[in-house]
């Protein structure tokens, strides 16, 4: 999609503003300009490549890693418990007892 076409879809943005956004995303390493487009109406659009991969997969992988890290800190995987409900156990982090309440 050309900057001019994007500007028509996004109310209030000019094609120059869309171009500036693309340049900012390129400087941040989010996209890469593969081919520079024609700088005229009805010319070929620039070809851009998204560099960050599937953001949904990335977020899900980060959440899973956070759960594993938290399980390592607590000494047991998150979502499991080896302590009967309501019993105290020692906290491996602070050495203070922690009351585990399980449904």
PDB file of N, CA and C in Angstrom:
ATOM      1  N   UNK A   1       0.857  -1.164   0.000  1.00  0.00           N
ATOM      2  CA  UNK A   1       0.000   0.000   0.000  1.00  0.00           C
ATOM      3  C   UNK A   1       0.903   1.225   0.000  1.00  0.00           C
ATOM      4  N   UNK A   2       0.605   2.142  -0.854  1.00  0.00           N
ATOM      5  CA  UNK A   2       1.407   3.359  -0.939  1.00  0.00           C
ATOM      6  C   UNK A   2       1.067   4.289   0.228  1.00  0.00           C
ATOM      7  N   UNK A   3       1.932   5.249   0.461  1.00  0.00           N
ATOM      8  CA  UNK A   3       1.667   6.239   1.510  1.00  0.00           C
ATOM      9  C   UNK A   3       0.425   7.047   1.179  1.00  0.00           C
ATOM     10  N   UNK A   4       0.219   7.320  -0.116  1.00  0.00           N
ATOM     11  CA  UNK A   4      -0.960   8.072  -0.527  1.00  0.00           C
ATOM     12  C   UNK A   4      -2.239   7.270  -0.252  1.00  0.00           C
ATOM     13  N   UNK A   5      -2.209   5.974  -0.552  1.00  0.00           N
ATOM     14  CA  UNK A   5      -3.374   5.124  -0.279  1.00  0.00           C
ATOM     15  C   UNK A   5      -3.624   5.012   1.226  1.00  0.00           C
ATOM     16  N   UNK A   6      -2.562   4.852   2.001  1.00  0.00           N
ATOM     17  CA  UNK A   6      -2.704   4.759   3.458  1.00  0.00           C
ATOM     18  C   UNK A   6      -3.291   6.043   4.024  1.00  0.00           C
ATOM     19  N   UNK A   7      -2.889   7.186   3.480  1.00  0.00           N
ATOM     20  CA  UNK A   7      -3.403   8.468   3.954  1.00  0.00           C
ATOM     21  C   UNK A   7      -4.893   8.604   3.673  1.00  0.00           C
ATOM     22  N   UNK A   8      -5.364   8.003   2.589  1.00  0.00           N
ATOM     23  CA  UNK A   8      -6.797   8.064   2.281  1.00  0.00           C
ATOM     24  C   UNK A   8      -7.607   7.220   3.256  1.00  0.00           C
ATOM     25  N   UNK A   9      -7.008   6.141   3.755  1.00  0.00           N
ATOM     26  CA  UNK A   9      -7.695   5.234   4.675  1.00  0.00           C
ATOM     27  C   UNK A   9      -7.670   5.780   6.102  1.00  0.00           C
ATOM     28  N   UNK A  10      -6.634   6.535   6.431  1.00  0.00           N
ATOM     29  CA  UNK A  10      -6.455   7.056   7.788  1.00  0.00           C
ATOM     30  C   UNK A  10      -6.812   8.542   7.822  1.00  0.00           C
ATOM     31  N   UNK A  11      -8.021   8.888   8.256  1.00  0.00           N
ATOM     32  CA  UNK A  11      -8.454  10.285   8.257  1.00  0.00           C
ATOM     33  C   UNK A  11      -7.507  11.173   9.063  1.00  0.00           C
ATOM     34  N   UNK A  12      -7.212  12.330   8.508  1.00  0.00           N
ATOM     35  CA  UNK A  12      -6.390  13.302   9.220  1.00  0.00           C
ATOM     36  C   UNK A  12      -4.898  13.167   8.969  1.00  0.00           C
ATOM     37  N   UNK A  13      -4.479  12.108   8.271  1.00  0.00           N
ATOM     38  CA  UNK A  13      -3.052  11.946   7.968  1.00  0.00           C
ATOM     39  C   UNK A  13      -2.786  12.255   6.505  1.00  0.00           C
ATOM     40  N   UNK A  14      -1.721  12.989   6.266  1.00  0.00           N
ATOM     41  CA  UNK A  14      -1.292  13.236   4.900  1.00  0.00           C
ATOM     42  C   UNK A  14      -0.358  12.119   4.465  1.00  0.00           C
ATOM     43  N   UNK A  15      -0.107  12.014   3.171  1.00  0.00           N
ATOM     44  CA  UNK A  15       0.825  10.989   2.712  1.00  0.00           C
ATOM     45  C   UNK A  15       2.234  11.274   3.227  1.00  0.00           C
ATOM     46  N   UNK A  16       2.560  12.558   3.466  1.00  0.00           N
ATOM     47  CA  UNK A  16       3.871  12.888   4.036  1.00  0.00           C
ATOM     48  C   UNK A  16       3.985  12.378   5.473  1.00  0.00           C
ATOM     49  N   UNK A  17       2.880  12.482   6.234  1.00  0.00           N
ATOM     50  CA  UNK A  17       2.892  11.987   7.620  1.00  0.00           C
ATOM     51  C   UNK A  17       3.053  10.475   7.639  1.00  0.00           C
ATOM     52  N   UNK A  18       2.372   9.777   6.720  1.00  0.00           N
ATOM     53  CA  UNK A  18       2.505   8.322   6.640  1.00  0.00           C
ATOM     54  C   UNK A  18       3.950   7.960   6.290  1.00  0.00           C
ATOM     55  N   UNK A  19       4.539   8.702   5.370  1.00  0.00           N
ATOM     56  CA  UNK A  19       5.937   8.470   4.998  1.00  0.00           C
ATOM     57  C   UNK A  19       6.860   8.688   6.205  1.00  0.00           C
ATOM     58  N   UNK A  20       6.599   9.740   6.990  1.00  0.00           N
ATOM     59  CA  UNK A  20       7.410  10.003   8.189  1.00  0.00           C
ATOM     60  C   UNK A  20       7.290   8.866   9.201  1.00  0.00           C
ATOM     61  N   UNK A  21       6.084   8.322   9.345  1.00  0.00           N
ATOM     62  CA  UNK A  21       5.876   7.192  10.252  1.00  0.00           C
ATOM     63  C   UNK A  21       6.682   5.990   9.775  1.00  0.00           C
ATOM     64  N   UNK A  22       6.637   5.725   8.461  1.00  0.00           N
ATOM     65  CA  UNK A  22       7.417   4.612   7.914  1.00  0.00           C
ATOM     66  C   UNK A  22       8.910   4.788   8.170  1.00  0.00           C
ATOM     67  N   UNK A  23       9.413   6.013   7.992  1.00  0.00           N
ATOM     68  CA  UNK A  23      10.835   6.267   8.237  1.00  0.00           C
ATOM     69  C   UNK A  23      11.187   6.073   9.712  1.00  0.00           C
ATOM     70  N   UNK A  24      10.285   6.496  10.607  1.00  0.00           N
ATOM     71  CA  UNK A  24      10.526   6.304  12.042  1.00  0.00           C
ATOM     72  C   UNK A  24      10.550   4.819  12.387  1.00  0.00           C
ATOM     73  N   UNK A  25       9.617   4.049  11.821  1.00  0.00           N
ATOM     74  CA  UNK A  25       9.596   2.602  12.075  1.00  0.00           C
ATOM     75  C   UNK A  25      10.858   1.927  11.535  1.00  0.00           C
ATOM     76  N   UNK A  26      11.367   2.446  10.424  1.00  0.00           N
ATOM     77  CA  UNK A  26      12.613   1.889   9.876  1.00  0.00           C
ATOM     78  C   UNK A  26      13.788   2.189  10.816  1.00  0.00           C
ATOM     79  N   UNK A  27      13.868   3.409  11.326  1.00  0.00           N
ATOM     80  CA  UNK A  27      14.954   3.766  12.259  1.00  0.00           C
ATOM     81  C   UNK A  27      14.884   2.940  13.541  1.00  0.00           C
ATOM     82  N   UNK A  28      13.675   2.577  13.964  1.00  0.00           N
ATOM     83  CA  UNK A  28      13.504   1.765  15.174  1.00  0.00           C
ATOM     84  C   UNK A  28      13.755   0.280  14.935  1.00  0.00           C
ATOM     85  N   UNK A  29      13.940  -0.125  13.675  1.00  0.00           N
ATOM     86  CA  UNK A  29      14.200  -1.521  13.368  1.00  0.00           C
ATOM     87  C   UNK A  29      12.961  -2.378  13.281  1.00  0.00           C
ATOM     88  N   UNK A  30      11.800  -1.745  13.133  1.00  0.00           N
ATOM     89  CA  UNK A  30      10.542  -2.480  13.039  1.00  0.00           C
ATOM     90  C   UNK A  30      10.311  -2.952  11.604  1.00  0.00           C
ATOM     91  N   UNK A  31      10.659  -2.091  10.648  1.00  0.00           N
ATOM     92  CA  UNK A  31      10.507  -2.434   9.236  1.00  0.00           C
ATOM     93  C   UNK A  31      11.809  -2.149   8.506  1.00  0.00           C
ATOM     94  N   UNK A  32      11.920  -2.701   7.304  1.00  0.00           N
ATOM     95  CA  UNK A  32      13.071  -2.451   6.436  1.00  0.00           C
ATOM     96  C   UNK A  32      12.525  -2.106   5.052  1.00  0.00           C
ATOM     97  N   UNK A  33      13.076  -1.069   4.429  1.00  0.00           N
ATOM     98  CA  UNK A  33      12.673  -0.719   3.077  1.00  0.00           C
ATOM     99  C   UNK A  33      13.411  -1.657   2.129  1.00  0.00           C
ATOM    100  N   UNK A  34      12.653  -2.503   1.445  1.00  0.00           N
ATOM    101  CA  UNK A  34      13.231  -3.456   0.505  1.00  0.00           C
ATOM    102  C   UNK A  34      13.403  -2.801  -0.860  1.00  0.00           C
ATOM    103  N   UNK A  35      12.419  -2.004  -1.244  1.00  0.00           N
ATOM    104  CA  UNK A  35      12.485  -1.283  -2.515  1.00  0.00           C
ATOM    105  C   UNK A  35      11.822   0.068  -2.338  1.00  0.00           C
ATOM    106  N   UNK A  36      12.518   1.134  -2.756  1.00  0.00           N
ATOM    107  CA  UNK A  36      11.972   2.483  -2.667  1.00  0.00           C
ATOM    108  C   UNK A  36      10.985   2.677  -3.804  1.00  0.00           C
ATOM    109  N   UNK A  37       9.822   3.196  -3.466  1.00  0.00           N
ATOM    110  CA  UNK A  37       8.773   3.391  -4.465  1.00  0.00           C
ATOM    111  C   UNK A  37       8.953   4.668  -5.256  1.00  0.00           C
ATOM    112  N   UNK A  38       8.091   4.832  -6.251  1.00  0.00           N
ATOM    113  CA  UNK A  38       8.086   6.037  -7.073  1.00  0.00           C
ATOM    114  C   UNK A  38       7.485   7.180  -6.272  1.00  0.00           C
ATOM    115  N   UNK A  39       8.095   8.345  -6.367  1.00  0.00           N
ATOM    116  CA  UNK A  39       7.598   9.496  -5.616  1.00  0.00           C
ATOM    117  C   UNK A  39       6.690  10.337  -6.498  1.00  0.00           C
ATOM    118  N   UNK A  40       5.629   9.705  -6.968  1.00  0.00           N
ATOM    119  CA  UNK A  40       4.652  10.392  -7.805  1.00  0.00           C
ATOM    120  C   UNK A  40       3.309   9.683  -7.649  1.00  0.00           C
ATOM    121  N   UNK A  41       2.219  10.397  -7.860  1.00  0.00           N
ATOM    122  CA  UNK A  41       0.908   9.755  -7.803  1.00  0.00           C
ATOM    123  C   UNK A  41       0.817   8.612  -8.818  1.00  0.00           C
ATOM    124  N   UNK A  42       0.164   7.547  -8.430  1.00  0.00           N
ATOM    125  CA  UNK A  42      -0.033   6.349  -9.253  1.00  0.00           C
ATOM    126  C   UNK A  42       1.266   5.611  -9.575  1.00  0.00           C
ATOM    127  N   UNK A  43       2.344   5.935  -8.851  1.00  0.00           N
ATOM    128  CA  UNK A  43       3.595   5.211  -9.039  1.00  0.00           C
ATOM    129  C   UNK A  43       3.598   3.956  -8.195  1.00  0.00           C
ATOM    130  N   UNK A  44       4.656   3.161  -8.347  1.00  0.00           N
ATOM    131  CA  UNK A  44       4.759   1.940  -7.548  1.00  0.00           C
ATOM    132  C   UNK A  44       5.052   2.309  -6.097  1.00  0.00           C
ATOM    133  N   UNK A  45       4.410   1.583  -5.173  1.00  0.00           N
ATOM    134  CA  UNK A  45       4.612   1.823  -3.741  1.00  0.00           C
ATOM    135  C   UNK A  45       5.946   1.238  -3.300  1.00  0.00           C
ATOM    136  N   UNK A  46       6.489   1.777  -2.219  1.00  0.00           N
ATOM    137  CA  UNK A  46       7.690   1.185  -1.621  1.00  0.00           C
ATOM    138  C   UNK A  46       7.352  -0.194  -1.095  1.00  0.00           C
ATOM    139  N   UNK A  47       8.320  -1.063  -1.103  1.00  0.00           N
ATOM    140  CA  UNK A  47       8.128  -2.398  -0.539  1.00  0.00           C
ATOM    141  C   UNK A  47       8.816  -2.429   0.812  1.00  0.00           C
ATOM    142  N   UNK A  48       8.054  -2.737   1.844  1.00  0.00           N
ATOM    143  CA  UNK A  48       8.555  -2.750   3.214  1.00  0.00           C
ATOM    144  C   UNK A  48       8.469  -4.160   3.773  1.00  0.00           C
ATOM    145  N   UNK A  49       9.407  -4.520   4.615  1.00  0.00           N
ATOM    146  CA  UNK A  49       9.381  -5.830   5.261  1.00  0.00           C
ATOM    147  C   UNK A  49       9.326  -5.621   6.768  1.00  0.00           C
ATOM    148  N   UNK A  50       8.355  -6.285   7.406  1.00  0.00           N
ATOM    149  CA  UNK A  50       8.204  -6.255   8.864  1.00  0.00           C
ATOM    150  C   UNK A  50       9.260  -7.164   9.472  1.00  0.00           C
ATOM    151  N   UNK A  51      10.030  -6.673  10.437  1.00  0.00           N
ATOM    152  CA  UNK A  51      11.186  -7.407  10.953  1.00  0.00           C
ATOM    153  C   UNK A  51      10.984  -8.100  12.292  1.00  0.00           C
ATOM    154  N   UNK A  52       9.919  -7.819  12.999  1.00  0.00           N
ATOM    155  CA  UNK A  52       9.790  -8.325  14.365  1.00  0.00           C
ATOM    156  C   UNK A  52       9.089  -9.668  14.480  1.00  0.00           C
ATOM    157  N   UNK A  53       8.667 -10.281  13.393  1.00  0.00           N
ATOM    158  CA  UNK A  53       7.998 -11.576  13.482  1.00  0.00           C
ATOM    159  C   UNK A  53       6.561 -11.419  13.928  1.00  0.00           C
ATOM    160  N   UNK A  54       5.979 -12.534  14.313  1.00  0.00           N
ATOM    161  CA  UNK A  54       4.591 -12.556  14.757  1.00  0.00           C
ATOM    162  C   UNK A  54       4.516 -12.068  16.191  1.00  0.00           C
ATOM    163  N   UNK A  55       3.982 -10.879  16.403  1.00  0.00           N
ATOM    164  CA  UNK A  55       3.945 -10.283  17.740  1.00  0.00           C
ATOM    165  C   UNK A  55       3.088 -11.106  18.691  1.00  0.00           C
ATOM    166  N   UNK A  56       2.029 -11.740  18.198  1.00  0.00           N
ATOM    167  CA  UNK A  56       1.180 -12.561  19.065  1.00  0.00           C
ATOM    168  C   UNK A  56       1.976 -13.731  19.623  1.00  0.00           C
ATOM    169  N   UNK A  57       2.724 -14.400  18.760  1.00  0.00           N
ATOM    170  CA  UNK A  57       3.545 -15.520  19.199  1.00  0.00           C
ATOM    171  C   UNK A  57       4.589 -15.042  20.197  1.00  0.00           C
ATOM    172  N   UNK A  58       5.198 -13.886  19.937  1.00  0.00           N
ATOM    173  CA  UNK A  58       6.215 -13.342  20.831  1.00  0.00           C
ATOM    174  C   UNK A  58       5.641 -13.093  22.225  1.00  0.00           C
ATOM    175  N   UNK A  59       4.475 -12.464  22.300  1.00  0.00           N
ATOM    176  CA  UNK A  59       3.852 -12.160  23.598  1.00  0.00           C
ATOM    177  C   UNK A  59       3.512 -13.450  24.333  1.00  0.00           C
ATOM    178  N   UNK A  60       2.958 -14.425  23.623  1.00  0.00           N
ATOM    179  CA  UNK A  60       2.618 -15.700  24.263  1.00  0.00           C
ATOM    180  C   UNK A  60       3.873 -16.397  24.781  1.00  0.00           C
ATOM    181  N   UNK A  61       4.962 -16.368  24.014  1.00  0.00           N
ATOM    182  CA  UNK A  61       6.212 -16.991  24.458  1.00  0.00           C
ATOM    183  C   UNK A  61       6.767 -16.281  25.685  1.00  0.00           C
ATOM    184  N   UNK A  62       6.680 -14.943  25.717  1.00  0.00           N
ATOM    185  CA  UNK A  62       7.152 -14.190  26.878  1.00  0.00           C
ATOM    186  C   UNK A  62       6.337 -14.520  28.118  1.00  0.00           C
ATOM    187  N   UNK A  63       5.004 -14.621  27.973  1.00  0.00           N
ATOM    188  CA  UNK A  63       4.152 -14.957  29.109  1.00  0.00           C
ATOM    189  C   UNK A  63       4.485 -16.348  29.638  1.00  0.00           C
ATOM    190  N   UNK A  64       4.707 -17.298  28.738  1.00  0.00           N
ATOM    191  CA  UNK A  64       5.064 -18.654  29.151  1.00  0.00           C
ATOM    192  C   UNK A  64       6.408 -18.661  29.874  1.00  0.00           C
ATOM    193  N   UNK A  65       7.373 -17.904  29.354  1.00  0.00           N
ATOM    194  CA  UNK A  65       8.685 -17.821  30.005  1.00  0.00           C
ATOM    195  C   UNK A  65       8.552 -17.187  31.388  1.00  0.00           C
ATOM    196  N   UNK A  66       7.732 -16.157  31.513  1.00  0.00           N
ATOM    197  CA  UNK A  66       7.506 -15.522  32.816  1.00  0.00           C
ATOM    198  C   UNK A  66       6.909 -16.516  33.805  1.00  0.00           C
ATOM    199  N   UNK A  67       5.952 -17.349  33.347  1.00  0.00           N
ATOM    200  CA  UNK A  67       5.365 -18.361  34.232  1.00  0.00           C
ATOM    201  C   UNK A  67       6.427 -19.363  34.681  1.00  0.00           C
ATOM    202  N   UNK A  68       7.296 -19.791  33.749  1.00  0.00           N
ATOM    203  CA  UNK A  68       8.357 -20.735  34.120  1.00  0.00           C
ATOM    204  C   UNK A  68       9.333 -20.097  35.106  1.00  0.00           C
ATOM    205  N   UNK A  69       9.691 -18.821  34.853  1.00  0.00           N
ATOM    206  CA  UNK A  69      10.606 -18.124  35.759  1.00  0.00           C
ATOM    207  C   UNK A  69      10.000 -17.988  37.149  1.00  0.00           C
ATOM    208  N   UNK A  70       8.724 -17.647  37.221  1.00  0.00           N
ATOM    209  CA  UNK A  70       8.050 -17.505  38.509  1.00  0.00           C
ATOM    210  C   UNK A  70       8.005 -18.843  39.234  1.00  0.00           C
ATOM    211  N   UNK A  71       7.766 -19.923  38.496  1.00  0.00           N
ATOM    212  CA  UNK A  71       7.756 -21.250  39.103  1.00  0.00           C
ATOM    213  C   UNK A  71       9.116 -21.598  39.683  1.00  0.00           C
ATOM    214  N   UNK A  72      10.191 -21.205  38.999  1.00  0.00           N
ATOM    215  CA  UNK A  72      11.539 -21.465  39.512  1.00  0.00           C
ATOM    216  C   UNK A  72      11.822 -20.687  40.781  1.00  0.00           C
ATOM    217  N   UNK A  73      11.302 -19.477  40.861  1.00  0.00           N
ATOM    218  CA  UNK A  73      11.506 -18.655  42.062  1.00  0.00           C
ATOM    219  C   UNK A  73      10.753 -19.250  43.239  1.00  0.00           C
ATOM    220  N   UNK A  74       9.531 -19.704  42.994  1.00  0.00           N
ATOM    221  CA  UNK A  74       8.717 -20.244  44.077  1.00  0.00           C
ATOM    222  C   UNK A  74       9.076 -21.684  44.422  1.00  0.00           C
ATOM    223  N   UNK A  75       9.857 -22.324  43.566  1.00  0.00           N
ATOM    224  CA  UNK A  75      10.267 -23.690  43.844  1.00  0.00           C
ATOM    225  C   UNK A  75       9.295 -24.736  43.354  1.00  0.00           C
ATOM    226  N   UNK A  76       8.231 -24.324  42.720  1.00  0.00           N
ATOM    227  CA  UNK A  76       7.265 -25.263  42.163  1.00  0.00           C
ATOM    228  C   UNK A  76       6.656 -24.629  40.927  1.00  0.00           C
ATOM    229  N   UNK A  77       6.377 -25.372  39.892  1.00  0.00           N
ATOM    230  CA  UNK A  77       5.779 -24.779  38.699  1.00  0.00           C
ATOM    231  C   UNK A  77       4.465 -24.092  39.029  1.00  0.00           C
ATOM    232  N   UNK A  78       4.230 -22.960  38.387  1.00  0.00           N
ATOM    233  CA  UNK A  78       2.994 -22.227  38.601  1.00  0.00           C
ATOM    234  C   UNK A  78       1.827 -23.102  38.154  1.00  0.00           C
ATOM    235  N   UNK A  79       0.769 -23.101  38.936  1.00  0.00           N
ATOM    236  CA  UNK A  79      -0.400 -23.901  38.614  1.00  0.00           C
ATOM    237  C   UNK A  79      -0.400 -25.247  39.311  1.00  0.00           C
ATOM    238  N   UNK A  80       0.685 -25.564  40.000  1.00  0.00           N
ATOM    239  CA  UNK A  80       0.730 -26.808  40.767  1.00  0.00           C
ATOM    240  C   UNK A  80       1.083 -26.473  42.199  1.00  0.00           C
ATOM    241  N   UNK A  81       0.756 -27.354  43.100  1.00  0.00           N
ATOM    242  CA  UNK A  81       1.079 -27.129  44.500  1.00  0.00           C
ATOM    243  C   UNK A  81       1.316 -28.478  45.169  1.00  0.00           C
ATOM    244  N   UNK A  82       2.392 -28.548  45.925  1.00  0.00           N
ATOM    245  CA  UNK A  82       2.684 -29.764  46.672  1.00  0.00           C
ATOM    246  C   UNK A  82       2.369 -29.575  48.154  1.00  0.00           C
ATOM    247  N   UNK A  83       1.772 -28.434  48.477  1.00  0.00           N
ATOM    248  CA  UNK A  83       1.425 -28.118  49.854  1.00  0.00           C
ATOM    249  C   UNK A  83      -0.087 -28.222  50.013  1.00  0.00           C
ATOM    250  N   UNK A  84      -0.547 -28.953  50.991  1.00  0.00           N
ATOM    251  CA  UNK A  84      -1.992 -29.022  51.204  1.00  0.00           C
ATOM    252  C   UNK A  84      -2.574 -27.627  51.427  1.00  0.00           C
ATOM    253  N   UNK A  85      -3.814 -27.405  51.021  1.00  0.00           N
ATOM    254  CA  UNK A  85      -4.434 -26.090  51.162  1.00  0.00           C
ATOM    255  C   UNK A  85      -4.380 -25.593  52.604  1.00  0.00           C
ATOM    256  N   UNK A  86      -4.033 -24.300  52.747  1.00  0.00           N
ATOM    257  CA  UNK A  86      -4.012 -23.673  54.059  1.00  0.00           C
ATOM    258  C   UNK A  86      -2.744 -23.916  54.854  1.00  0.00           C
ATOM    259  N   UNK A  87      -1.833 -24.797  54.424  1.00  0.00           N
ATOM    260  CA  UNK A  87      -0.594 -25.065  55.159  1.00  0.00           C
ATOM    261  C   UNK A  87       0.446 -24.009  54.853  1.00  0.00           C
ATOM    262  N   UNK A  88       1.325 -23.781  55.804  1.00  0.00           N
ATOM    263  CA  UNK A  88       2.427 -22.847  55.605  1.00  0.00           C
ATOM    264  C   UNK A  88       3.631 -23.584  55.042  1.00  0.00           C
ATOM    265  N   UNK A  89       4.393 -22.880  54.243  1.00  0.00           N
ATOM    266  CA  UNK A  89       5.669 -23.427  53.806  1.00  0.00           C
ATOM    267  C   UNK A  89       6.656 -22.283  53.775  1.00  0.00           C
ATOM    268  N   UNK A  90       7.927 -22.572  53.812  1.00  0.00           N
ATOM    269  CA  UNK A  90       8.943 -21.514  53.795  1.00  0.00           C
ATOM    270  C   UNK A  90       9.093 -20.943  52.395  1.00  0.00           C
ATOM    271  N   UNK A  91       9.211 -19.643  52.311  1.00  0.00           N
ATOM    272  CA  UNK A  91       9.420 -18.973  51.038  1.00  0.00           C
ATOM    273  C   UNK A  91      10.887 -19.078  50.661  1.00  0.00           C
ATOM    274  N   UNK A  92      11.220 -19.585  49.510  1.00  0.00           N
ATOM    275  CA  UNK A  92      12.618 -19.660  49.112  1.00  0.00           C
ATOM    276  C   UNK A  92      13.202 -18.286  48.814  1.00  0.00           C
ATOM    277  N   UNK A  93      12.355 -17.270  48.628  1.00  0.00           N
ATOM    278  CA  UNK A  93      12.861 -15.935  48.291  1.00  0.00           C
ATOM    279  C   UNK A  93      13.294 -15.162  49.535  1.00  0.00           C
ATOM    280  N   UNK A  94      12.399 -14.998  50.471  1.00  0.00           N
ATOM    281  CA  UNK A  94      12.668 -14.145  51.618  1.00  0.00           C
ATOM    282  C   UNK A  94      12.876 -14.898  52.910  1.00  0.00           C
ATOM    283  N   UNK A  95      12.621 -16.160  52.904  1.00  0.00           N
ATOM    284  CA  UNK A  95      12.766 -16.944  54.134  1.00  0.00           C
ATOM    285  C   UNK A  95      11.578 -16.774  55.068  1.00  0.00           C
ATOM    286  N   UNK A  96      10.584 -15.996  54.665  1.00  0.00           N
ATOM    287  CA  UNK A  96       9.406 -15.811  55.492  1.00  0.00           C
ATOM    288  C   UNK A  96       8.344 -16.838  55.075  1.00  0.00           C
ATOM    289  N   UNK A  97       7.536 -17.291  56.011  1.00  0.00           N
ATOM    290  CA  UNK A  97       6.503 -18.262  55.639  1.00  0.00           C
ATOM    291  C   UNK A  97       5.457 -17.617  54.723  1.00  0.00           C
ATOM    292  N   UNK A  98       4.946 -18.411  53.817  1.00  0.00           N
ATOM    293  CA  UNK A  98       3.927 -17.955  52.876  1.00  0.00           C
ATOM    294  C   UNK A  98       2.737 -18.868  53.018  1.00  0.00           C
ATOM    295  N   UNK A  99       1.563 -18.308  53.136  1.00  0.00           N
ATOM    296  CA  UNK A  99       0.342 -19.084  53.223  1.00  0.00           C
ATOM    297  C   UNK A  99      -0.176 -19.311  51.815  1.00  0.00           C
ATOM    298  N   UNK A 100      -0.250 -20.555  51.397  1.00  0.00           N
ATOM    299  CA  UNK A 100      -0.795 -20.882  50.088  1.00  0.00           C
ATOM    300  C   UNK A 100      -2.260 -21.201  50.232  1.00  0.00           C
ATOM    301  N   UNK A 101      -3.080 -20.511  49.502  1.00  0.00           N
ATOM    302  CA  UNK A 101      -4.508 -20.774  49.505  1.00  0.00           C
ATOM    303  C   UNK A 101      -4.861 -21.307  48.136  1.00  0.00           C
ATOM    304  N   UNK A 102      -5.367 -22.526  48.085  1.00  0.00           N
ATOM    305  CA  UNK A 102      -5.735 -23.125  46.817  1.00  0.00           C
ATOM    306  C   UNK A 102      -7.233 -23.352  46.798  1.00  0.00           C
ATOM    307  N   UNK A 103      -7.823 -23.193  45.632  1.00  0.00           N
ATOM    308  CA  UNK A 103      -9.284 -23.327  45.537  1.00  0.00           C
ATOM    309  C   UNK A 103      -9.740 -24.750  45.776  1.00  0.00           C
TER     310      UNK A 103
END
